[in-house]
N, C-alpha and C. Protein backbone atom coordinates (compact mmCIF):
# COMPACT_ATOMS: atom_id res chain seq x y z
N UNK A 1 26.85 3.53 -16.62
CA UNK A 1 25.53 3.03 -16.24
C UNK A 1 25.26 1.83 -16.99
N UNK A 2 25.82 1.54 -18.17
CA UNK A 2 25.60 0.39 -19.03
C UNK A 2 26.01 -0.79 -18.23
N UNK A 3 27.06 -0.79 -17.34
CA UNK A 3 27.49 -1.88 -16.65
C UNK A 3 26.42 -2.40 -15.70
N UNK A 4 25.48 -1.52 -15.26
CA UNK A 4 24.51 -1.83 -14.28
C UNK A 4 23.30 -2.56 -14.94
N UNK A 5 23.15 -2.43 -16.25
CA UNK A 5 22.14 -2.96 -17.07
C UNK A 5 22.06 -4.49 -16.97
N UNK A 6 20.92 -5.03 -16.75
CA UNK A 6 20.73 -6.36 -16.60
C UNK A 6 20.81 -7.07 -17.97
N UNK A 7 20.44 -6.31 -19.00
CA UNK A 7 20.39 -6.92 -20.42
C UNK A 7 21.10 -5.87 -21.40
N UNK A 8 21.57 -6.46 -22.60
CA UNK A 8 22.02 -5.52 -23.60
C UNK A 8 20.72 -4.82 -24.33
N UNK A 9 21.03 -3.82 -25.04
CA UNK A 9 19.78 -3.21 -25.80
C UNK A 9 19.00 -4.29 -26.73
N UNK A 10 19.79 -5.11 -27.30
CA UNK A 10 19.15 -6.15 -28.14
C UNK A 10 18.39 -7.23 -27.45
N UNK A 11 18.88 -7.58 -26.31
CA UNK A 11 18.29 -8.55 -25.50
C UNK A 11 16.89 -7.98 -24.84
N UNK A 12 17.15 -6.70 -24.38
CA UNK A 12 15.89 -5.91 -23.78
C UNK A 12 14.91 -5.74 -24.90
N UNK A 13 15.28 -5.30 -26.10
CA UNK A 13 14.34 -5.20 -27.30
C UNK A 13 13.63 -6.55 -27.37
N UNK A 14 14.26 -7.58 -27.45
CA UNK A 14 13.62 -8.92 -27.69
C UNK A 14 12.65 -9.36 -26.61
N UNK A 15 13.12 -8.99 -25.36
CA UNK A 15 12.23 -9.29 -24.15
C UNK A 15 10.93 -8.47 -24.16
N UNK A 16 11.10 -7.17 -24.54
CA UNK A 16 10.02 -6.27 -24.47
C UNK A 16 8.94 -6.60 -25.73
N UNK A 17 9.53 -7.02 -26.85
CA UNK A 17 8.71 -7.51 -27.90
C UNK A 17 7.90 -8.68 -27.55
N UNK A 18 8.46 -9.56 -26.77
CA UNK A 18 7.75 -10.77 -26.32
C UNK A 18 6.78 -10.33 -25.35
N UNK A 19 7.05 -9.48 -24.41
CA UNK A 19 6.04 -9.01 -23.42
C UNK A 19 4.84 -8.34 -24.06
N UNK A 20 5.08 -7.61 -25.13
CA UNK A 20 4.01 -6.89 -25.95
C UNK A 20 3.28 -7.74 -26.86
N UNK A 21 3.91 -8.89 -27.35
CA UNK A 21 3.20 -9.76 -28.11
C UNK A 21 2.29 -10.64 -27.37
N UNK A 22 2.61 -10.92 -26.08
CA UNK A 22 1.95 -11.76 -25.22
C UNK A 22 0.67 -11.06 -24.75
N UNK A 23 0.76 -9.78 -24.34
CA UNK A 23 -0.40 -9.05 -23.75
C UNK A 23 -0.10 -7.47 -24.10
N UNK A 24 -1.26 -6.71 -24.41
CA UNK A 24 -1.12 -5.31 -24.68
C UNK A 24 -0.49 -4.70 -23.44
N UNK A 25 0.36 -3.68 -23.67
CA UNK A 25 1.13 -3.02 -22.52
C UNK A 25 1.05 -1.56 -22.87
N UNK A 26 1.22 -0.81 -21.77
CA UNK A 26 1.31 0.75 -21.99
C UNK A 26 2.72 1.08 -21.84
N UNK A 27 3.13 2.31 -22.21
CA UNK A 27 4.42 2.87 -22.06
C UNK A 27 4.97 2.81 -20.64
N UNK A 28 4.05 3.25 -19.71
CA UNK A 28 4.39 3.24 -18.25
C UNK A 28 4.88 1.98 -17.81
N UNK A 29 4.18 0.85 -18.08
CA UNK A 29 4.60 -0.37 -17.74
C UNK A 29 6.07 -0.81 -18.18
N UNK A 30 6.15 -0.45 -19.48
CA UNK A 30 7.59 -0.87 -20.03
C UNK A 30 8.67 -0.02 -19.52
N UNK A 31 8.39 1.28 -19.31
CA UNK A 31 9.39 2.22 -18.68
C UNK A 31 9.76 1.67 -17.29
N UNK A 32 8.80 1.33 -16.52
CA UNK A 32 9.00 0.73 -15.25
C UNK A 32 9.96 -0.60 -15.35
N UNK A 33 9.64 -1.39 -16.22
CA UNK A 33 10.43 -2.67 -16.41
C UNK A 33 11.88 -2.22 -16.85
N UNK A 34 12.04 -1.35 -17.75
CA UNK A 34 13.24 -0.93 -18.21
C UNK A 34 14.13 -0.27 -17.05
N UNK A 35 13.44 0.47 -16.23
CA UNK A 35 14.08 1.14 -15.05
C UNK A 35 14.58 -0.02 -14.12
N UNK A 36 13.80 -1.11 -13.90
CA UNK A 36 14.13 -2.18 -13.02
C UNK A 36 15.40 -2.90 -13.64
N UNK A 37 15.54 -2.90 -14.92
CA UNK A 37 16.54 -3.70 -15.60
C UNK A 37 17.78 -2.69 -15.61
N UNK A 38 17.66 -1.48 -15.18
CA UNK A 38 18.84 -0.60 -15.10
C UNK A 38 19.11 0.32 -16.32
N UNK A 39 18.18 0.43 -17.16
CA UNK A 39 18.40 1.29 -18.31
C UNK A 39 18.05 2.81 -17.91
N UNK A 40 18.87 3.67 -18.63
CA UNK A 40 18.68 5.09 -18.34
C UNK A 40 17.48 5.52 -19.30
N UNK A 41 17.10 6.73 -19.11
CA UNK A 41 15.84 7.25 -19.88
C UNK A 41 16.15 7.49 -21.31
N UNK A 42 17.33 7.72 -21.55
CA UNK A 42 17.69 7.81 -23.11
C UNK A 42 17.54 6.48 -23.85
N UNK A 43 18.10 5.48 -23.21
CA UNK A 43 18.07 4.14 -23.88
C UNK A 43 16.61 3.62 -23.78
N UNK A 44 15.84 3.90 -22.70
CA UNK A 44 14.36 3.53 -22.61
C UNK A 44 13.65 4.27 -23.80
N UNK A 45 13.86 5.45 -24.02
CA UNK A 45 13.28 6.24 -25.10
C UNK A 45 13.56 5.60 -26.50
N UNK A 46 14.71 5.18 -26.58
CA UNK A 46 15.04 4.49 -27.85
C UNK A 46 14.36 3.22 -28.01
N UNK A 47 14.31 2.39 -27.05
CA UNK A 47 13.56 1.11 -27.08
C UNK A 47 12.07 1.27 -27.24
N UNK A 48 11.46 2.21 -26.54
CA UNK A 48 10.11 2.58 -26.60
C UNK A 48 9.64 3.03 -27.98
N UNK A 49 10.47 3.89 -28.57
CA UNK A 49 10.16 4.31 -29.98
C UNK A 49 10.18 3.19 -30.98
N UNK A 50 11.14 2.34 -30.72
CA UNK A 50 11.29 1.24 -31.64
C UNK A 50 10.10 0.33 -31.58
N UNK A 51 9.61 0.14 -30.35
CA UNK A 51 8.37 -0.78 -30.11
C UNK A 51 7.03 -0.08 -30.76
N UNK A 52 7.11 1.24 -30.77
CA UNK A 52 6.01 2.03 -31.20
C UNK A 52 6.00 1.86 -32.77
N UNK A 53 7.22 2.17 -33.38
CA UNK A 53 7.30 2.13 -34.73
C UNK A 53 7.04 0.84 -35.44
N UNK A 54 7.40 -0.24 -34.67
CA UNK A 54 7.12 -1.68 -35.17
C UNK A 54 5.72 -2.16 -34.58
N UNK A 55 4.87 -1.35 -34.13
CA UNK A 55 3.55 -1.71 -33.75
C UNK A 55 3.46 -2.66 -32.61
N UNK A 56 4.42 -2.81 -31.86
CA UNK A 56 4.35 -3.70 -30.72
C UNK A 56 3.70 -3.03 -29.60
N UNK A 57 3.70 -1.78 -29.56
CA UNK A 57 3.17 -0.78 -28.53
C UNK A 57 2.26 0.21 -29.22
N UNK A 58 1.12 0.30 -28.78
CA UNK A 58 0.09 1.09 -29.37
C UNK A 58 -0.99 1.45 -28.31
N UNK A 59 -0.91 2.86 -27.91
CA UNK A 59 -1.72 3.28 -26.79
C UNK A 59 -3.22 3.07 -26.96
N UNK A 60 -3.72 3.26 -28.13
CA UNK A 60 -5.20 3.06 -28.47
C UNK A 60 -5.58 1.73 -28.32
N UNK A 61 -4.70 0.82 -28.92
CA UNK A 61 -5.02 -0.68 -28.85
C UNK A 61 -5.03 -1.16 -27.36
N UNK A 62 -4.07 -0.56 -26.59
CA UNK A 62 -3.89 -0.95 -25.15
C UNK A 62 -5.30 -0.53 -24.46
N UNK A 63 -5.67 0.81 -24.60
CA UNK A 63 -6.82 1.31 -23.97
C UNK A 63 -8.07 0.59 -24.34
N UNK A 64 -8.25 0.17 -25.59
CA UNK A 64 -9.27 -0.49 -26.05
C UNK A 64 -9.40 -2.07 -25.32
N UNK A 65 -8.20 -2.70 -25.27
CA UNK A 65 -8.12 -3.99 -24.70
C UNK A 65 -8.46 -3.83 -23.11
N UNK A 66 -7.89 -2.85 -22.52
CA UNK A 66 -8.10 -2.49 -21.01
C UNK A 66 -9.56 -2.25 -20.81
N UNK A 67 -10.27 -1.39 -21.53
CA UNK A 67 -11.66 -1.22 -21.33
C UNK A 67 -12.45 -2.45 -21.55
N UNK A 68 -12.23 -3.05 -22.60
CA UNK A 68 -13.02 -4.35 -22.86
C UNK A 68 -12.91 -5.36 -21.66
N UNK A 69 -11.60 -5.63 -21.28
CA UNK A 69 -11.31 -6.59 -20.24
C UNK A 69 -11.96 -6.10 -18.86
N UNK A 70 -11.73 -5.05 -18.52
CA UNK A 70 -12.31 -4.53 -17.19
C UNK A 70 -13.85 -4.33 -17.17
N UNK A 71 -14.46 -4.08 -18.38
CA UNK A 71 -15.91 -3.97 -18.30
C UNK A 71 -16.48 -5.33 -18.40
N UNK A 72 -15.98 -6.15 -19.33
CA UNK A 72 -16.71 -7.46 -19.58
C UNK A 72 -16.29 -8.58 -18.47
N UNK A 73 -15.01 -8.50 -17.97
CA UNK A 73 -14.65 -9.47 -17.08
C UNK A 73 -14.83 -9.08 -15.57
N UNK A 74 -14.41 -7.85 -15.30
CA UNK A 74 -14.47 -7.47 -13.96
C UNK A 74 -15.79 -6.53 -13.66
N UNK A 75 -16.41 -6.27 -14.81
CA UNK A 75 -17.60 -5.53 -14.61
C UNK A 75 -17.42 -4.11 -13.93
N UNK A 76 -16.36 -3.41 -14.32
CA UNK A 76 -16.15 -2.13 -13.80
C UNK A 76 -17.02 -1.06 -14.69
N UNK A 77 -17.24 0.03 -13.93
CA UNK A 77 -17.92 1.13 -14.59
C UNK A 77 -16.94 2.08 -15.24
N UNK A 78 -17.51 2.96 -15.93
CA UNK A 78 -16.71 3.99 -16.77
C UNK A 78 -15.80 4.78 -15.83
N UNK A 79 -16.29 5.24 -14.72
CA UNK A 79 -15.44 6.18 -13.79
C UNK A 79 -14.15 5.39 -13.36
N UNK A 80 -14.33 4.21 -12.96
CA UNK A 80 -13.17 3.35 -12.45
C UNK A 80 -12.23 3.06 -13.64
N UNK A 81 -12.77 2.79 -14.73
CA UNK A 81 -11.88 2.46 -15.99
C UNK A 81 -11.07 3.64 -16.27
N UNK A 82 -11.75 4.88 -16.38
CA UNK A 82 -11.06 6.20 -16.77
C UNK A 82 -9.91 6.44 -15.69
N UNK A 83 -10.30 6.30 -14.54
CA UNK A 83 -9.24 6.54 -13.39
C UNK A 83 -7.98 5.61 -13.54
N UNK A 84 -8.21 4.43 -13.67
CA UNK A 84 -7.13 3.52 -13.89
C UNK A 84 -6.16 3.75 -15.21
N UNK A 85 -7.02 4.10 -16.33
CA UNK A 85 -6.23 4.37 -17.51
C UNK A 85 -5.50 5.76 -17.29
N UNK A 86 -6.04 6.72 -16.61
CA UNK A 86 -5.41 7.89 -16.33
C UNK A 86 -4.09 7.65 -15.50
N UNK A 87 -4.18 6.84 -14.47
CA UNK A 87 -2.97 6.41 -13.67
C UNK A 87 -1.89 5.83 -14.64
N UNK A 88 -2.24 5.16 -15.72
CA UNK A 88 -1.19 4.63 -16.53
C UNK A 88 -0.77 5.56 -17.63
N UNK A 89 -1.21 6.82 -17.48
CA UNK A 89 -0.87 7.90 -18.28
C UNK A 89 -1.25 7.71 -19.79
N UNK A 90 -2.45 7.26 -19.97
CA UNK A 90 -3.07 7.08 -21.29
C UNK A 90 -3.69 8.47 -21.51
N UNK A 91 -3.57 8.84 -22.87
CA UNK A 91 -4.17 10.20 -23.23
C UNK A 91 -5.73 10.07 -23.24
N UNK A 92 -6.17 11.36 -22.97
CA UNK A 92 -7.81 11.47 -22.86
C UNK A 92 -8.38 10.96 -24.14
N UNK A 93 -7.63 11.33 -25.25
CA UNK A 93 -8.33 10.94 -26.50
C UNK A 93 -8.40 9.43 -26.70
N UNK A 94 -7.32 8.73 -26.32
CA UNK A 94 -7.43 7.30 -26.35
C UNK A 94 -8.39 6.63 -25.47
N UNK A 95 -8.45 7.25 -24.29
CA UNK A 95 -9.46 6.84 -23.24
C UNK A 95 -10.91 6.96 -23.81
N UNK A 96 -11.21 8.23 -24.27
CA UNK A 96 -12.60 8.42 -24.88
C UNK A 96 -12.88 7.55 -26.01
N UNK A 97 -11.81 7.31 -26.85
CA UNK A 97 -12.11 6.44 -28.05
C UNK A 97 -12.43 4.96 -27.69
N UNK A 98 -11.81 4.47 -26.63
CA UNK A 98 -11.86 3.18 -26.11
C UNK A 98 -13.29 2.99 -25.39
N UNK A 99 -13.58 3.97 -24.62
CA UNK A 99 -14.87 4.03 -23.90
C UNK A 99 -16.09 3.94 -24.87
N UNK A 100 -15.96 4.52 -25.99
CA UNK A 100 -17.05 4.57 -27.01
C UNK A 100 -17.34 3.19 -27.42
N UNK A 101 -16.43 2.26 -27.25
CA UNK A 101 -16.63 0.84 -27.76
C UNK A 101 -17.61 0.03 -26.84
N UNK A 102 -17.88 0.61 -25.60
CA UNK A 102 -18.86 0.00 -24.74
C UNK A 102 -20.31 0.23 -25.18
N UNK A 103 -21.01 -0.89 -25.39
CA UNK A 103 -22.42 -0.70 -25.77
C UNK A 103 -23.29 -0.35 -24.62
N UNK A 104 -23.98 0.79 -24.78
CA UNK A 104 -24.74 1.50 -23.64
C UNK A 104 -25.77 0.48 -23.09
N UNK A 105 -26.43 -0.21 -23.93
CA UNK A 105 -27.49 -1.21 -23.48
C UNK A 105 -26.80 -2.33 -22.60
N UNK A 106 -25.66 -2.77 -23.10
CA UNK A 106 -24.82 -3.79 -22.26
C UNK A 106 -24.40 -3.30 -21.06
N UNK A 107 -24.01 -2.08 -20.96
CA UNK A 107 -23.57 -1.38 -19.85
C UNK A 107 -24.76 -1.24 -18.77
N UNK A 108 -25.88 -0.82 -19.27
CA UNK A 108 -27.14 -0.79 -18.37
C UNK A 108 -27.48 -2.17 -17.85
N UNK A 109 -27.39 -3.15 -18.74
CA UNK A 109 -27.84 -4.54 -18.31
C UNK A 109 -26.77 -5.11 -17.29
N UNK A 110 -25.61 -4.77 -17.42
CA UNK A 110 -24.53 -5.22 -16.47
C UNK A 110 -24.78 -4.42 -15.19
N UNK A 111 -25.08 -3.25 -15.16
CA UNK A 111 -25.39 -2.43 -13.88
C UNK A 111 -26.54 -3.08 -13.22
N UNK A 112 -27.68 -3.29 -13.92
CA UNK A 112 -28.86 -3.99 -13.31
C UNK A 112 -28.59 -5.31 -12.66
N UNK A 113 -27.81 -6.06 -13.49
CA UNK A 113 -27.56 -7.41 -12.98
C UNK A 113 -26.67 -7.43 -11.68
N UNK A 114 -25.71 -6.49 -11.66
CA UNK A 114 -24.86 -6.26 -10.41
C UNK A 114 -25.73 -5.85 -9.33
N UNK A 115 -26.69 -4.97 -9.54
CA UNK A 115 -27.60 -4.41 -8.54
C UNK A 115 -28.38 -5.61 -8.04
N UNK A 116 -28.99 -6.47 -8.85
CA UNK A 116 -29.78 -7.63 -8.40
C UNK A 116 -28.86 -8.59 -7.66
N UNK A 117 -27.71 -8.90 -8.14
CA UNK A 117 -26.79 -9.76 -7.42
C UNK A 117 -26.49 -9.39 -6.07
N UNK A 118 -26.14 -8.12 -5.86
CA UNK A 118 -25.73 -7.54 -4.58
C UNK A 118 -27.01 -7.46 -3.74
N UNK A 119 -28.12 -7.18 -4.21
CA UNK A 119 -29.39 -7.10 -3.40
C UNK A 119 -29.72 -8.57 -2.73
N UNK A 120 -29.49 -9.53 -3.66
CA UNK A 120 -29.68 -10.99 -3.17
C UNK A 120 -28.67 -11.40 -2.02
N UNK A 121 -27.46 -10.88 -2.13
CA UNK A 121 -26.41 -11.15 -1.15
C UNK A 121 -26.78 -10.51 0.24
N UNK A 122 -27.64 -9.53 0.12
CA UNK A 122 -28.03 -8.80 1.42
C UNK A 122 -29.36 -9.19 1.92
N UNK A 123 -29.64 -10.49 1.87
CA UNK A 123 -30.86 -11.00 2.33
C UNK A 123 -31.05 -10.76 3.99
N UNK A 124 -29.99 -10.79 4.68
CA UNK A 124 -30.01 -10.67 6.02
C UNK A 124 -30.22 -9.35 6.51
N UNK A 125 -30.09 -8.40 5.59
CA UNK A 125 -30.28 -6.82 6.02
C UNK A 125 -31.78 -6.60 6.08
N UNK A 126 -32.28 -6.36 7.15
CA UNK A 126 -33.77 -6.16 7.39
C UNK A 126 -34.19 -4.69 6.92
N UNK A 127 -33.44 -3.75 7.14
CA UNK A 127 -33.74 -2.36 6.87
C UNK A 127 -33.65 -2.12 5.40
N UNK A 128 -34.70 -1.78 4.71
CA UNK A 128 -34.65 -1.62 3.26
C UNK A 128 -33.78 -0.50 2.80
N UNK A 129 -33.71 0.63 3.73
CA UNK A 129 -33.01 1.88 3.38
C UNK A 129 -31.49 1.51 3.42
N UNK A 130 -31.05 0.66 4.53
CA UNK A 130 -29.67 0.30 4.63
C UNK A 130 -29.31 -0.56 3.44
N UNK A 131 -30.22 -1.41 3.09
CA UNK A 131 -29.88 -2.42 1.94
C UNK A 131 -29.64 -1.63 0.70
N UNK A 132 -30.42 -0.60 0.41
CA UNK A 132 -30.12 0.31 -0.80
C UNK A 132 -28.85 0.96 -0.68
N UNK A 133 -28.51 1.51 0.44
CA UNK A 133 -27.36 2.20 0.68
C UNK A 133 -26.12 1.36 0.47
N UNK A 134 -26.23 0.06 0.89
CA UNK A 134 -25.11 -0.87 0.71
C UNK A 134 -24.99 -1.21 -0.73
N UNK A 135 -26.08 -1.37 -1.43
CA UNK A 135 -26.00 -1.72 -2.86
C UNK A 135 -25.39 -0.59 -3.64
N UNK A 136 -25.92 0.73 -3.31
CA UNK A 136 -25.33 1.96 -4.01
C UNK A 136 -23.81 2.10 -3.74
N UNK A 137 -23.45 1.79 -2.45
CA UNK A 137 -22.00 1.91 -2.14
C UNK A 137 -21.14 0.89 -3.02
N UNK A 138 -21.71 -0.21 -3.09
CA UNK A 138 -21.02 -1.28 -3.83
C UNK A 138 -20.89 -0.89 -5.35
N UNK A 139 -22.00 -0.37 -5.88
CA UNK A 139 -21.93 -0.08 -7.36
C UNK A 139 -21.04 1.17 -7.54
N UNK A 140 -20.94 2.12 -6.58
CA UNK A 140 -19.99 3.23 -6.66
C UNK A 140 -18.56 2.78 -6.67
N UNK A 141 -18.33 1.71 -5.88
CA UNK A 141 -16.98 1.08 -5.78
C UNK A 141 -16.60 0.47 -7.04
N UNK A 142 -17.51 0.00 -7.81
CA UNK A 142 -17.30 -0.57 -9.11
C UNK A 142 -17.19 0.38 -10.19
N UNK A 143 -17.36 1.69 -9.95
CA UNK A 143 -16.99 2.74 -10.79
C UNK A 143 -18.22 3.24 -11.73
N UNK A 144 -19.40 2.93 -11.33
CA UNK A 144 -20.64 3.36 -12.14
C UNK A 144 -21.01 4.80 -11.63
N UNK A 145 -21.62 5.51 -12.54
CA UNK A 145 -22.17 6.84 -12.40
C UNK A 145 -23.24 6.87 -11.39
N UNK A 146 -23.30 7.96 -10.58
CA UNK A 146 -24.37 8.11 -9.55
C UNK A 146 -25.77 8.09 -10.13
N UNK A 147 -26.02 8.79 -11.19
CA UNK A 147 -27.28 8.90 -11.74
C UNK A 147 -27.81 7.50 -12.22
N UNK A 148 -26.98 6.76 -12.87
CA UNK A 148 -27.29 5.43 -13.38
C UNK A 148 -27.47 4.50 -12.23
N UNK A 149 -26.75 4.66 -11.11
CA UNK A 149 -26.94 3.83 -9.98
C UNK A 149 -28.30 4.10 -9.37
N UNK A 150 -28.69 5.24 -9.22
CA UNK A 150 -30.03 5.54 -8.65
C UNK A 150 -31.09 5.02 -9.47
N UNK A 151 -31.03 5.03 -10.80
CA UNK A 151 -32.03 4.51 -11.74
C UNK A 151 -32.07 2.98 -11.62
N UNK A 152 -30.91 2.31 -11.48
CA UNK A 152 -30.84 0.92 -11.51
C UNK A 152 -31.43 0.46 -10.02
N UNK A 153 -31.14 1.10 -9.05
CA UNK A 153 -31.59 0.75 -7.70
C UNK A 153 -33.11 0.89 -7.61
N UNK A 154 -33.55 2.05 -8.21
CA UNK A 154 -35.08 2.21 -8.25
C UNK A 154 -35.69 1.10 -9.07
N UNK A 155 -35.12 0.74 -10.27
CA UNK A 155 -35.74 -0.33 -11.01
C UNK A 155 -35.78 -1.57 -10.39
N UNK A 156 -34.64 -1.99 -9.77
CA UNK A 156 -34.51 -3.36 -9.18
C UNK A 156 -35.29 -3.45 -7.84
N UNK A 157 -35.37 -2.33 -7.02
CA UNK A 157 -36.05 -2.41 -5.74
C UNK A 157 -37.61 -2.23 -6.00
N UNK A 158 -38.03 -1.69 -7.08
CA UNK A 158 -39.50 -1.53 -7.35
C UNK A 158 -39.97 -2.92 -7.82
N UNK A 159 -39.10 -3.69 -8.50
CA UNK A 159 -39.48 -5.01 -8.94
C UNK A 159 -39.72 -5.97 -7.72
N UNK A 160 -38.79 -5.72 -6.85
CA UNK A 160 -38.83 -6.58 -5.50
C UNK A 160 -40.04 -6.52 -4.71
N UNK A 161 -40.75 -5.27 -4.88
CA UNK A 161 -41.91 -5.17 -3.92
C UNK A 161 -43.11 -5.91 -4.35
């Protein structure tokens, strides 16, 4: 199987270290990369454990960076962030720890601003009920919690009157 490998162990280690130094990565991403390069599971385990011991790979740091980026840049809600982190096989502990870094006031303000923005985009929608439904559906697709969505829609639509 070694003959199928695209790189030697040392070359792969250097490439993975460079990848991890450039951007936070999770184990799943690196395992997929190693699989593409033709490494077996045993060699992958060796490389991954080396990256972890040298602090190139850190699940909690990855989760924290992921949460921060997806919330601040993409304005995702907690439900969507949790779902994507789970798909990347991040532990519940790391997910919960990273989610605690989101400021609740900033989270609420982001939700309200998204509600206002979407409401303004729907100026052509004459039916107020349909407008609310479309706004709520949009916010759900962003991964926000139903109870918070309802509160934000009530707040924004009551200001509008």
